[in-house]
N, C-alpha and C. Protein backbone atom coordinates (compact mmCIF):
# COMPACT_ATOMS: atom_id res chain seq x y z
N MET A 1 -10.07 107.45 -58.57
CA MET A 1 -10.11 105.84 -59.42
C MET A 1 -10.42 104.61 -58.56
N ASN A 2 -11.06 104.21 -59.18
CA ASN A 2 -11.35 102.61 -58.56
C ASN A 2 -10.58 101.64 -59.88
N ARG A 3 -10.29 100.80 -58.72
CA ARG A 3 -9.82 99.28 -59.55
C ARG A 3 -11.14 98.57 -59.76
N ALA A 4 -11.22 97.67 -60.26
CA ALA A 4 -12.49 96.66 -60.70
C ALA A 4 -12.10 95.67 -60.06
N SER A 5 -11.44 95.07 -59.03
CA SER A 5 -11.33 94.68 -58.00
C SER A 5 -11.85 95.13 -56.41
N GLU A 6 -12.04 96.60 -56.48
CA GLU A 6 -12.15 97.48 -55.94
C GLU A 6 -14.32 96.82 -55.74
N PHE A 7 -14.71 96.82 -56.60
CA PHE A 7 -16.00 96.65 -56.92
C PHE A 7 -16.87 95.83 -55.69
N ARG A 8 -15.80 94.60 -55.99
CA ARG A 8 -15.98 93.22 -55.24
C ARG A 8 -16.78 93.31 -54.03
N GLN A 9 -18.14 93.05 -53.66
CA GLN A 9 -18.05 93.00 -51.95
C GLN A 9 -19.03 94.11 -52.37
N LYS A 10 -19.08 94.70 -52.94
CA LYS A 10 -19.72 96.53 -52.45
C LYS A 10 -21.49 95.62 -52.64
N GLU A 11 -21.80 96.69 -51.68
CA GLU A 11 -22.89 96.00 -51.63
C GLU A 11 -24.49 97.17 -52.79
N VAL A 12 -25.02 96.78 -53.48
CA VAL A 12 -25.62 97.43 -54.08
C VAL A 12 -27.49 97.89 -53.80
N ILE A 13 -27.77 98.68 -53.81
CA ILE A 13 -29.00 99.89 -52.98
C ILE A 13 -29.64 100.32 -54.68
N ASN A 14 -30.48 99.98 -54.61
CA ASN A 14 -31.53 100.45 -55.79
C ASN A 14 -32.06 101.80 -55.58
N ILE A 15 -31.74 102.81 -55.97
CA ILE A 15 -31.94 104.04 -55.65
C ILE A 15 -33.70 104.16 -55.49
N ALA A 16 -34.15 104.17 -56.75
CA ALA A 16 -35.40 104.11 -56.97
C ALA A 16 -37.29 103.84 -55.49
N ASP A 17 -36.66 102.59 -55.13
CA ASP A 17 -37.09 102.00 -54.38
C ASP A 17 -36.34 101.49 -53.13
N GLY A 18 -35.40 102.10 -52.91
CA GLY A 18 -34.63 101.66 -51.54
C GLY A 18 -34.31 99.78 -51.19
N ARG A 19 -34.27 99.20 -52.43
CA ARG A 19 -34.29 97.42 -51.74
C ARG A 19 -32.63 97.05 -52.36
N ARG A 20 -32.06 96.56 -50.95
CA ARG A 20 -31.14 96.17 -51.70
C ARG A 20 -31.11 94.79 -52.70
N LEU A 21 -29.71 94.98 -53.26
CA LEU A 21 -30.50 93.94 -54.49
C LEU A 21 -29.17 93.38 -54.43
N GLY A 22 -28.04 93.27 -53.47
CA GLY A 22 -27.14 91.87 -53.38
C GLY A 22 -25.65 92.57 -53.08
N PHE A 23 -24.83 91.94 -53.35
CA PHE A 23 -23.61 92.47 -53.57
C PHE A 23 -22.78 92.15 -54.74
N VAL A 24 -22.07 93.15 -55.24
CA VAL A 24 -21.22 92.60 -56.40
C VAL A 24 -20.38 92.19 -56.75
N SER A 25 -20.31 90.18 -57.40
CA SER A 25 -19.85 89.74 -57.33
C SER A 25 -18.67 89.93 -58.72
N ASP A 26 -19.00 90.98 -59.62
CA ASP A 26 -17.92 90.75 -60.79
C ASP A 26 -18.76 91.68 -61.64
N VAL A 27 -17.33 92.34 -62.33
CA VAL A 27 -17.43 93.42 -63.39
C VAL A 27 -16.97 92.85 -64.61
N GLU A 28 -17.82 93.91 -65.99
CA GLU A 28 -17.72 93.22 -66.95
C GLU A 28 -16.71 94.77 -67.36
N VAL A 29 -15.54 94.36 -68.24
CA VAL A 29 -14.99 95.41 -68.59
C VAL A 29 -14.59 94.79 -70.10
N ASN A 30 -14.75 96.45 -70.60
CA ASN A 30 -14.33 96.62 -72.04
C ASN A 30 -12.67 96.98 -72.50
N LEU A 31 -11.93 95.17 -72.52
CA LEU A 31 -10.89 95.05 -72.67
C LEU A 31 -10.36 96.00 -73.82
N GLU A 32 -11.25 96.81 -74.86
CA GLU A 32 -10.45 97.75 -76.11
C GLU A 32 -10.43 99.05 -75.47
N ASP A 33 -11.01 99.56 -74.33
CA ASP A 33 -11.11 100.61 -74.30
C ASP A 33 -10.96 100.58 -72.37
N GLY A 34 -10.32 99.90 -71.35
CA GLY A 34 -11.03 99.89 -70.45
C GLY A 34 -11.70 100.20 -69.54
N ARG A 35 -12.91 100.23 -69.48
CA ARG A 35 -14.11 100.77 -69.30
C ARG A 35 -15.19 99.78 -68.32
N ILE A 36 -16.04 99.84 -67.43
CA ILE A 36 -16.61 99.27 -67.16
C ILE A 36 -17.77 99.16 -67.91
N GLU A 37 -18.02 98.07 -68.11
CA GLU A 37 -19.57 98.61 -68.71
C GLU A 37 -20.67 97.59 -68.09
N ALA A 38 -20.64 96.76 -67.28
CA ALA A 38 -21.62 96.55 -65.67
C ALA A 38 -21.14 96.03 -64.78
N ILE A 39 -22.21 95.88 -63.73
CA ILE A 39 -21.46 95.02 -62.90
C ILE A 39 -22.77 93.75 -62.85
N ILE A 40 -21.97 93.07 -61.88
CA ILE A 40 -22.60 92.10 -62.29
C ILE A 40 -22.53 90.77 -60.32
N ILE A 41 -24.39 90.75 -60.23
CA ILE A 41 -24.88 90.62 -58.92
C ILE A 41 -25.26 89.31 -58.81
N PRO A 42 -24.82 87.87 -57.98
CA PRO A 42 -25.62 86.67 -58.23
C PRO A 42 -26.95 86.59 -57.81
N GLY A 43 -27.12 86.07 -58.40
CA GLY A 43 -28.84 86.10 -58.36
C GLY A 43 -29.71 84.58 -57.09
N GLY A 44 -30.81 84.99 -56.91
CA GLY A 44 -30.91 83.73 -55.82
C GLY A 44 -30.91 82.21 -55.66
N GLY A 45 -31.23 81.45 -55.08
CA GLY A 45 -30.95 79.97 -54.86
C GLY A 45 -29.62 79.69 -54.88
N ARG A 46 -28.99 80.07 -54.16
CA ARG A 46 -27.53 79.93 -53.49
C ARG A 46 -27.60 79.68 -52.42
N PHE A 47 -26.64 78.53 -51.94
CA PHE A 47 -26.52 78.25 -50.57
C PHE A 47 -25.36 78.74 -49.72
N PHE A 48 -25.22 80.11 -49.37
CA PHE A 48 -23.88 80.61 -48.94
C PHE A 48 -23.07 81.17 -50.36
N GLY A 49 -23.65 81.10 -51.65
CA GLY A 49 -23.19 81.49 -52.80
C GLY A 49 -21.80 80.16 -53.19
N LEU A 50 -22.74 79.16 -52.72
CA LEU A 50 -21.29 78.28 -53.15
C LEU A 50 -22.00 77.16 -53.96
N ILE A 51 -23.20 76.72 -53.18
CA ILE A 51 -24.07 75.50 -54.13
C ILE A 51 -25.09 76.10 -54.73
N GLY A 52 -25.63 75.98 -55.63
CA GLY A 52 -26.98 76.12 -56.65
C GLY A 52 -26.88 76.62 -57.93
N LYS A 53 -27.92 75.98 -58.52
CA LYS A 53 -27.57 76.88 -59.94
C LYS A 53 -28.44 78.74 -59.65
N ASP A 54 -28.14 79.04 -60.71
CA ASP A 54 -29.05 80.75 -60.10
C ASP A 54 -28.07 81.49 -61.44
N ASN A 55 -28.93 82.48 -61.48
CA ASN A 55 -29.13 83.36 -62.39
C ASN A 55 -27.93 84.89 -62.01
N GLU A 56 -27.03 84.90 -63.09
CA GLU A 56 -26.41 86.14 -62.67
C GLU A 56 -27.56 87.44 -63.18
N PHE A 57 -27.08 88.31 -61.96
CA PHE A 57 -27.86 90.57 -63.27
C PHE A 57 -27.20 91.27 -63.56
N VAL A 58 -27.07 91.32 -64.33
CA VAL A 58 -26.41 92.59 -65.17
C VAL A 58 -26.89 93.41 -64.46
N ILE A 59 -26.04 94.62 -64.19
CA ILE A 59 -27.08 95.89 -64.28
C ILE A 59 -25.36 96.85 -65.48
N PRO A 60 -26.05 97.68 -66.04
CA PRO A 60 -25.23 98.21 -66.98
C PRO A 60 -25.07 99.28 -66.35
N TRP A 61 -23.82 99.79 -66.66
CA TRP A 61 -22.95 100.99 -65.77
C TRP A 61 -23.16 102.49 -66.20
N GLU A 62 -24.63 102.34 -67.50
CA GLU A 62 -25.29 103.93 -67.76
C GLU A 62 -26.11 103.61 -65.72
N ARG A 63 -26.52 102.52 -65.36
CA ARG A 63 -27.68 102.64 -64.61
C ARG A 63 -27.13 102.80 -63.13
N VAL A 64 -25.37 102.52 -62.83
CA VAL A 64 -25.10 103.11 -61.71
C VAL A 64 -24.86 104.70 -61.44
N LYS A 65 -25.26 104.95 -60.74
CA LYS A 65 -25.53 106.68 -60.45
C LYS A 65 -24.20 106.94 -59.30
N LYS A 66 -23.75 106.22 -57.94
CA LYS A 66 -22.72 106.13 -57.57
C LYS A 66 -22.55 105.82 -56.37
N VAL A 67 -20.59 105.66 -56.54
CA VAL A 67 -20.16 104.85 -55.92
C VAL A 67 -19.58 104.69 -54.47
N GLY A 68 -20.07 104.30 -54.13
CA GLY A 68 -19.21 105.10 -52.26
C GLY A 68 -18.46 103.95 -51.89
N GLU A 69 -17.85 104.38 -51.06
CA GLU A 69 -16.59 103.35 -49.58
C GLU A 69 -17.21 102.16 -49.64
N ASP A 70 -18.78 101.97 -49.08
CA ASP A 70 -19.12 100.31 -49.48
C ASP A 70 -20.27 99.83 -50.15
N ILE A 71 -21.26 100.55 -50.47
CA ILE A 71 -21.64 101.05 -51.30
C ILE A 71 -21.93 101.04 -52.84
N ILE A 72 -23.03 100.64 -53.52
CA ILE A 72 -23.13 101.15 -55.28
C ILE A 72 -24.92 101.14 -55.23
N LEU A 73 -24.76 102.61 -55.25
CA LEU A 73 -26.14 103.35 -55.52
C LEU A 73 -26.84 103.16 -57.29
N VAL A 74 -27.76 102.55 -57.41
CA VAL A 74 -28.03 102.14 -58.99
C VAL A 74 -29.41 102.67 -58.84
N ASP A 75 -30.11 102.71 -60.82
CA ASP A 75 -31.70 103.49 -60.56
C ASP A 75 -31.88 102.38 -61.78
N MET A 76 -32.93 101.37 -61.18
CA MET A 76 -33.36 100.60 -62.06
C MET A 76 -34.71 100.27 -62.24
N ASP A 77 -35.62 100.27 -62.89
CA ASP A 77 -36.94 100.61 -62.92
C ASP A 77 -37.64 99.31 -62.68
N GLU A 78 -39.10 99.18 -62.20
CA GLU A 78 -40.06 98.45 -61.53
C GLU A 78 -39.65 97.31 -62.27
N ARG A 79 -39.26 97.00 -63.37
CA ARG A 79 -40.19 95.98 -64.02
C ARG A 79 -38.61 94.72 -64.02
N PHE A 80 -37.41 95.83 -63.92
CA PHE A 80 -36.35 94.63 -63.57
C PHE A 80 -36.18 94.01 -62.06
N ILE A 81 -36.37 94.91 -61.29
CA ILE A 81 -36.94 94.91 -59.61
C ILE A 81 -38.23 93.73 -59.92
N ARG A 82 -39.33 93.81 -60.08
CA ARG A 82 -40.06 92.63 -60.15
C ARG A 82 -39.43 91.35 -60.76
N LYS A 83 -38.63 91.13 -61.29
CA LYS A 83 -38.53 90.02 -62.15
C LYS A 83 -37.57 89.20 -61.91
N TYR A 84 -36.96 89.97 -61.23
CA TYR A 84 -35.44 89.88 -60.70
C TYR A 84 -35.46 89.14 -59.03
N PHE A 85 -35.96 90.08 -58.34
CA PHE A 85 -36.01 90.36 -57.22
C PHE A 85 -37.26 89.97 -56.54
N ASP A 86 -38.50 89.47 -57.00
CA ASP A 86 -39.79 89.26 -55.89
C ASP A 86 -40.56 87.70 -56.21
């Protein structure tokens, strides 16, 4: 079992194309049943993660395929990738 805090700073990689999407900055948890609903990675446009306005990319938990020690593998479709990462 993993704690939500253990997801922070794991790198997220899309298995559909091998693209590195970023590092987990937060998780969404359903407090009623204690389940993780999504992982969140910060968007671009930040200066060392501190300064600047950015979007957060919410990846639904259903898209998470494998959680490893250092990485999280997700399966995101090409539309999502093009919209946020190109």
